[in-house]
Amino acid sequence: MSTVTAGPTLWVAAWHDALTVLELDVAQVEAQLAVARTGAPDLTSPRPWAPPLGLGPLPASLQTRAQVLLDRQIGVGRRIAEAANLSRRQAVAAEGMRSRPPAVPVYIDTEG
């Protein structure tokens, strides 16, 4: 039996649980991004996400919570993109500060 037909209370509870799992994942990534600014981040990945089955439409009572969660997810995505861009720029700057060019293989023709 699907969650939606099991009754309104179970339907809202199922959505509540699904949003809670997503909020925990976002909080974990937010914490990793905060630590990354000050030191070595914990690079553990959030658990793989799979969409819950049988939830039906979002209950109106949870719409604000879901919107806040979506805004947080978008913000985290933006911060990840900024961190990746900063990392690329730092790699380019570090490469430019090399005192000598990288070693290049040299081949000598000993037969000709």
N, C-alpha and C. Protein backbone atom coordinates (compact mmCIF):
# COMPACT_ATOMS: atom_id res chain seq x y z
N MET A 1 0.85 -1.16 0.00
CA MET A 1 0.00 0.00 0.00
C MET A 1 0.90 1.23 0.00
N SER A 2 0.57 2.22 -0.79
CA SER A 2 1.41 3.40 -0.86
C SER A 2 1.19 4.27 0.37
N THR A 3 2.18 5.10 0.63
CA THR A 3 2.12 5.98 1.80
C THR A 3 0.95 6.94 1.71
N VAL A 4 0.65 7.43 0.51
CA VAL A 4 -0.42 8.41 0.35
C VAL A 4 -1.77 7.82 0.74
N THR A 5 -2.02 6.58 0.38
CA THR A 5 -3.31 5.98 0.70
C THR A 5 -3.37 5.45 2.12
N ALA A 6 -2.26 5.43 2.83
CA ALA A 6 -2.25 4.93 4.20
C ALA A 6 -2.82 5.94 5.18
N GLY A 7 -3.04 7.13 4.75
CA GLY A 7 -3.63 8.14 5.61
C GLY A 7 -2.80 9.40 5.63
N PRO A 8 -3.48 10.52 5.89
CA PRO A 8 -2.78 11.81 5.86
C PRO A 8 -1.63 11.90 6.87
N THR A 9 -1.80 11.32 8.04
CA THR A 9 -0.74 11.41 9.05
C THR A 9 0.52 10.69 8.60
N LEU A 10 0.37 9.48 8.04
CA LEU A 10 1.53 8.74 7.55
C LEU A 10 2.16 9.43 6.34
N TRP A 11 1.32 10.03 5.51
CA TRP A 11 1.79 10.74 4.32
C TRP A 11 2.67 11.91 4.73
N VAL A 12 2.21 12.72 5.67
CA VAL A 12 2.99 13.86 6.14
C VAL A 12 4.25 13.38 6.86
N ALA A 13 4.13 12.32 7.65
CA ALA A 13 5.29 11.78 8.36
C ALA A 13 6.35 11.27 7.39
N ALA A 14 5.92 10.63 6.31
CA ALA A 14 6.87 10.14 5.31
C ALA A 14 7.62 11.30 4.66
N TRP A 15 6.89 12.37 4.34
CA TRP A 15 7.54 13.55 3.77
C TRP A 15 8.46 14.20 4.79
N HIS A 16 8.03 14.25 6.04
CA HIS A 16 8.85 14.82 7.11
C HIS A 16 10.18 14.05 7.20
N ASP A 17 10.12 12.73 7.18
CA ASP A 17 11.32 11.90 7.25
C ASP A 17 12.23 12.12 6.04
N ALA A 18 11.63 12.21 4.86
CA ALA A 18 12.42 12.42 3.64
C ALA A 18 13.14 13.77 3.69
N LEU A 19 12.45 14.80 4.14
CA LEU A 19 13.08 16.12 4.24
C LEU A 19 14.17 16.13 5.30
N THR A 20 13.95 15.41 6.39
CA THR A 20 14.96 15.33 7.45
C THR A 20 16.26 14.71 6.93
N VAL A 21 16.15 13.65 6.16
CA VAL A 21 17.34 13.00 5.59
C VAL A 21 18.09 13.98 4.69
N LEU A 22 17.36 14.70 3.85
CA LEU A 22 18.00 15.67 2.96
C LEU A 22 18.64 16.81 3.75
N GLU A 23 17.98 17.26 4.80
CA GLU A 23 18.54 18.33 5.64
C GLU A 23 19.83 17.88 6.31
N LEU A 24 19.88 16.65 6.76
CA LEU A 24 21.11 16.13 7.37
C LEU A 24 22.25 16.07 6.37
N ASP A 25 21.95 15.66 5.14
CA ASP A 25 22.98 15.62 4.10
C ASP A 25 23.50 17.02 3.78
N VAL A 26 22.59 17.99 3.67
CA VAL A 26 23.01 19.37 3.39
C VAL A 26 23.84 19.91 4.55
N ALA A 27 23.44 19.62 5.77
CA ALA A 27 24.19 20.08 6.94
C ALA A 27 25.60 19.49 6.94
N GLN A 28 25.74 18.23 6.54
CA GLN A 28 27.06 17.60 6.49
C GLN A 28 27.95 18.31 5.48
N VAL A 29 27.41 18.60 4.31
CA VAL A 29 28.21 19.28 3.28
C VAL A 29 28.53 20.71 3.71
N GLU A 30 27.58 21.39 4.33
CA GLU A 30 27.84 22.75 4.83
C GLU A 30 28.98 22.72 5.85
N ALA A 31 28.99 21.74 6.73
CA ALA A 31 30.06 21.61 7.72
C ALA A 31 31.40 21.34 7.05
N GLN A 32 31.40 20.49 6.03
CA GLN A 32 32.65 20.20 5.31
C GLN A 32 33.18 21.45 4.62
N LEU A 33 32.28 22.25 4.05
CA LEU A 33 32.71 23.49 3.39
C LEU A 33 33.27 24.48 4.41
N ALA A 34 32.67 24.55 5.58
CA ALA A 34 33.15 25.46 6.62
C ALA A 34 34.54 25.05 7.09
N VAL A 35 34.77 23.76 7.28
CA VAL A 35 36.07 23.27 7.72
C VAL A 35 37.11 23.46 6.62
N ALA A 36 36.71 23.32 5.37
CA ALA A 36 37.65 23.45 4.25
C ALA A 36 38.28 24.83 4.21
N ARG A 37 37.60 25.83 4.73
CA ARG A 37 38.16 27.19 4.73
C ARG A 37 39.27 27.34 5.77
N THR A 38 39.24 26.53 6.80
CA THR A 38 40.19 26.71 7.90
C THR A 38 41.20 25.58 8.03
N GLY A 39 41.01 24.49 7.35
CA GLY A 39 41.93 23.37 7.48
C GLY A 39 41.57 22.26 6.53
N ALA A 40 42.05 21.09 6.84
CA ALA A 40 41.80 19.93 5.99
C ALA A 40 40.38 19.42 6.25
N PRO A 41 39.56 19.40 5.22
CA PRO A 41 38.18 18.94 5.41
C PRO A 41 38.10 17.42 5.53
N ASP A 42 37.04 16.98 6.16
CA ASP A 42 36.70 15.56 6.19
C ASP A 42 36.03 15.26 4.86
N LEU A 43 36.65 14.44 4.05
CA LEU A 43 36.16 14.23 2.69
C LEU A 43 35.21 13.06 2.56
N THR A 44 34.57 12.67 3.64
CA THR A 44 33.59 11.60 3.53
C THR A 44 32.38 12.12 2.77
N SER A 45 31.86 11.29 1.93
CA SER A 45 30.70 11.67 1.12
C SER A 45 29.41 11.38 1.88
N PRO A 46 28.41 12.22 1.62
CA PRO A 46 27.09 11.85 2.16
C PRO A 46 26.66 10.52 1.56
N ARG A 47 25.79 9.83 2.24
CA ARG A 47 25.33 8.54 1.72
C ARG A 47 24.68 8.76 0.35
N PRO A 48 24.77 7.78 -0.52
CA PRO A 48 24.13 7.91 -1.83
C PRO A 48 22.63 8.18 -1.66
N TRP A 49 22.12 9.07 -2.47
CA TRP A 49 20.72 9.45 -2.34
C TRP A 49 19.89 8.71 -3.38
N ALA A 50 18.76 8.24 -2.95
CA ALA A 50 17.77 7.66 -3.85
C ALA A 50 16.43 8.28 -3.49
N PRO A 51 15.67 8.69 -4.48
CA PRO A 51 14.39 9.32 -4.16
C PRO A 51 13.47 8.33 -3.46
N PRO A 52 12.81 8.78 -2.40
CA PRO A 52 11.87 7.90 -1.71
C PRO A 52 10.71 7.54 -2.64
N LEU A 53 10.19 6.37 -2.47
CA LEU A 53 9.09 5.91 -3.32
C LEU A 53 7.76 6.11 -2.62
N GLY A 54 6.74 6.41 -3.39
CA GLY A 54 5.38 6.44 -2.88
C GLY A 54 5.03 7.63 -2.01
N LEU A 55 5.77 8.72 -2.12
CA LEU A 55 5.47 9.87 -1.27
C LEU A 55 4.25 10.66 -1.74
N GLY A 56 4.05 10.71 -3.02
CA GLY A 56 2.97 11.55 -3.53
C GLY A 56 3.37 13.01 -3.48
N PRO A 57 2.42 13.89 -3.67
CA PRO A 57 2.75 15.32 -3.69
C PRO A 57 3.15 15.84 -2.30
N LEU A 58 3.93 16.90 -2.30
CA LEU A 58 4.38 17.51 -1.06
C LEU A 58 3.19 18.10 -0.30
N PRO A 59 3.04 17.78 0.98
CA PRO A 59 1.96 18.37 1.76
C PRO A 59 2.16 19.89 1.88
N ALA A 60 1.08 20.62 1.81
CA ALA A 60 1.15 22.08 1.90
C ALA A 60 1.80 22.53 3.20
N SER A 61 1.61 21.78 4.27
CA SER A 61 2.18 22.16 5.56
C SER A 61 3.70 22.08 5.58
N LEU A 62 4.30 21.39 4.62
CA LEU A 62 5.76 21.24 4.57
C LEU A 62 6.39 22.06 3.44
N GLN A 63 5.59 22.85 2.75
CA GLN A 63 6.09 23.59 1.60
C GLN A 63 7.19 24.58 1.99
N THR A 64 7.01 25.32 3.08
CA THR A 64 8.02 26.28 3.50
C THR A 64 9.32 25.58 3.86
N ARG A 65 9.22 24.48 4.59
CA ARG A 65 10.42 23.72 4.96
C ARG A 65 11.14 23.21 3.72
N ALA A 66 10.40 22.70 2.76
CA ALA A 66 11.01 22.20 1.53
C ALA A 66 11.68 23.32 0.75
N GLN A 67 11.07 24.51 0.73
CA GLN A 67 11.66 25.64 0.01
C GLN A 67 12.96 26.09 0.68
N VAL A 68 12.97 26.13 2.01
CA VAL A 68 14.19 26.48 2.74
C VAL A 68 15.29 25.46 2.44
N LEU A 69 14.94 24.19 2.41
CA LEU A 69 15.90 23.14 2.09
C LEU A 69 16.44 23.31 0.67
N LEU A 70 15.56 23.58 -0.28
CA LEU A 70 16.00 23.80 -1.66
C LEU A 70 16.95 24.99 -1.74
N ASP A 71 16.64 26.07 -1.05
CA ASP A 71 17.52 27.24 -1.05
C ASP A 71 18.89 26.88 -0.48
N ARG A 72 18.91 26.08 0.59
CA ARG A 72 20.19 25.64 1.17
C ARG A 72 20.97 24.78 0.18
N GLN A 73 20.27 23.87 -0.51
CA GLN A 73 20.94 23.00 -1.49
C GLN A 73 21.55 23.83 -2.62
N ILE A 74 20.81 24.82 -3.10
CA ILE A 74 21.32 25.69 -4.16
C ILE A 74 22.54 26.47 -3.66
N GLY A 75 22.47 26.97 -2.43
CA GLY A 75 23.60 27.69 -1.85
C GLY A 75 24.83 26.81 -1.71
N VAL A 76 24.64 25.58 -1.28
CA VAL A 76 25.76 24.64 -1.14
C VAL A 76 26.36 24.34 -2.52
N GLY A 77 25.52 24.14 -3.50
CA GLY A 77 26.02 23.90 -4.86
C GLY A 77 26.85 25.07 -5.36
N ARG A 78 26.39 26.27 -5.07
CA ARG A 78 27.11 27.47 -5.48
C ARG A 78 28.47 27.54 -4.76
N ARG A 79 28.47 27.23 -3.46
CA ARG A 79 29.72 27.27 -2.70
C ARG A 79 30.70 26.19 -3.16
N ILE A 80 30.20 25.03 -3.55
CA ILE A 80 31.07 23.97 -4.08
C ILE A 80 31.70 24.43 -5.39
N ALA A 81 30.90 25.06 -6.26
CA ALA A 81 31.43 25.56 -7.53
C ALA A 81 32.50 26.64 -7.28
N GLU A 82 32.25 27.52 -6.32
CA GLU A 82 33.24 28.55 -5.98
C GLU A 82 34.52 27.93 -5.44
N ALA A 83 34.39 26.91 -4.60
CA ALA A 83 35.57 26.24 -4.05
C ALA A 83 36.37 25.54 -5.15
N ALA A 84 35.68 24.92 -6.09
CA ALA A 84 36.37 24.26 -7.21
C ALA A 84 37.10 25.29 -8.06
N ASN A 85 36.46 26.43 -8.31
CA ASN A 85 37.09 27.49 -9.09
C ASN A 85 38.32 28.03 -8.38
N LEU A 86 38.22 28.25 -7.08
CA LEU A 86 39.36 28.72 -6.30
C LEU A 86 40.50 27.70 -6.34
N SER A 87 40.17 26.44 -6.23
CA SER A 87 41.18 25.39 -6.28
C SER A 87 41.91 25.38 -7.62
N ARG A 88 41.16 25.54 -8.71
CA ARG A 88 41.80 25.60 -10.04
C ARG A 88 42.72 26.81 -10.14
N ARG A 89 42.27 27.96 -9.65
CA ARG A 89 43.11 29.17 -9.71
C ARG A 89 44.37 29.00 -8.87
N GLN A 90 44.25 28.36 -7.71
CA GLN A 90 45.43 28.13 -6.87
C GLN A 90 46.40 27.17 -7.55
N ALA A 91 45.89 26.17 -8.24
CA ALA A 91 46.76 25.23 -8.96
C ALA A 91 47.51 25.94 -10.07
N VAL A 92 46.84 26.83 -10.80
CA VAL A 92 47.49 27.59 -11.86
C VAL A 92 48.56 28.51 -11.26
N ALA A 93 48.24 29.17 -10.15
CA ALA A 93 49.21 30.06 -9.50
C ALA A 93 50.42 29.27 -9.00
N ALA A 94 50.19 28.12 -8.41
CA ALA A 94 51.29 27.29 -7.92
C ALA A 94 52.18 26.83 -9.08
N GLU A 95 51.57 26.48 -10.19
CA GLU A 95 52.34 26.06 -11.36
C GLU A 95 53.18 27.22 -11.88
N GLY A 96 52.64 28.43 -11.82
CA GLY A 96 53.38 29.61 -12.28
C GLY A 96 54.55 29.97 -11.39
N MET A 97 54.56 29.50 -10.17
CA MET A 97 55.64 29.82 -9.23
C MET A 97 56.76 28.79 -9.25
N ARG A 98 56.68 27.82 -10.13
CA ARG A 98 57.77 26.84 -10.22
C ARG A 98 59.06 27.56 -10.59
N SER A 99 60.16 27.20 -9.94
CA SER A 99 61.44 27.86 -10.22
C SER A 99 62.07 27.35 -11.52
N ARG A 100 61.69 26.19 -11.92
CA ARG A 100 62.20 25.66 -13.19
C ARG A 100 61.07 24.89 -13.86
N PRO A 101 61.13 24.78 -15.15
CA PRO A 101 60.06 24.06 -15.84
C PRO A 101 60.09 22.58 -15.47
N PRO A 102 58.97 21.92 -15.64
CA PRO A 102 58.94 20.49 -15.33
C PRO A 102 59.92 19.74 -16.23
N ALA A 103 60.45 18.65 -15.72
CA ALA A 103 61.41 17.83 -16.47
C ALA A 103 60.75 17.30 -17.74
N VAL A 104 61.48 17.38 -18.82
CA VAL A 104 61.00 16.90 -20.10
C VAL A 104 61.93 15.77 -20.55
N PRO A 105 61.39 14.67 -21.01
CA PRO A 105 62.27 13.59 -21.45
C PRO A 105 63.12 14.02 -22.65
N VAL A 106 64.35 13.59 -22.66
CA VAL A 106 65.28 13.91 -23.74
C VAL A 106 65.72 12.59 -24.37
N TYR A 107 65.66 12.55 -25.68
CA TYR A 107 66.07 11.35 -26.40
C TYR A 107 67.30 11.68 -27.24
N ILE A 108 68.29 10.82 -27.20
CA ILE A 108 69.52 11.01 -27.96
C ILE A 108 69.60 9.90 -29.00
N ASP A 109 69.85 10.30 -30.24
CA ASP A 109 69.97 9.33 -31.32
C ASP A 109 71.39 8.77 -31.29
N THR A 110 71.52 7.54 -30.85
CA THR A 110 72.85 6.92 -30.75
C THR A 110 73.18 6.07 -31.97
N GLU A 111 72.25 5.96 -32.90
CA GLU A 111 72.49 5.10 -34.05
C GLU A 111 72.66 5.88 -35.34
N GLY A 112 72.41 7.13 -35.35
CA GLY A 112 72.37 7.83 -36.60
C GLY A 112 73.37 8.82 -36.81
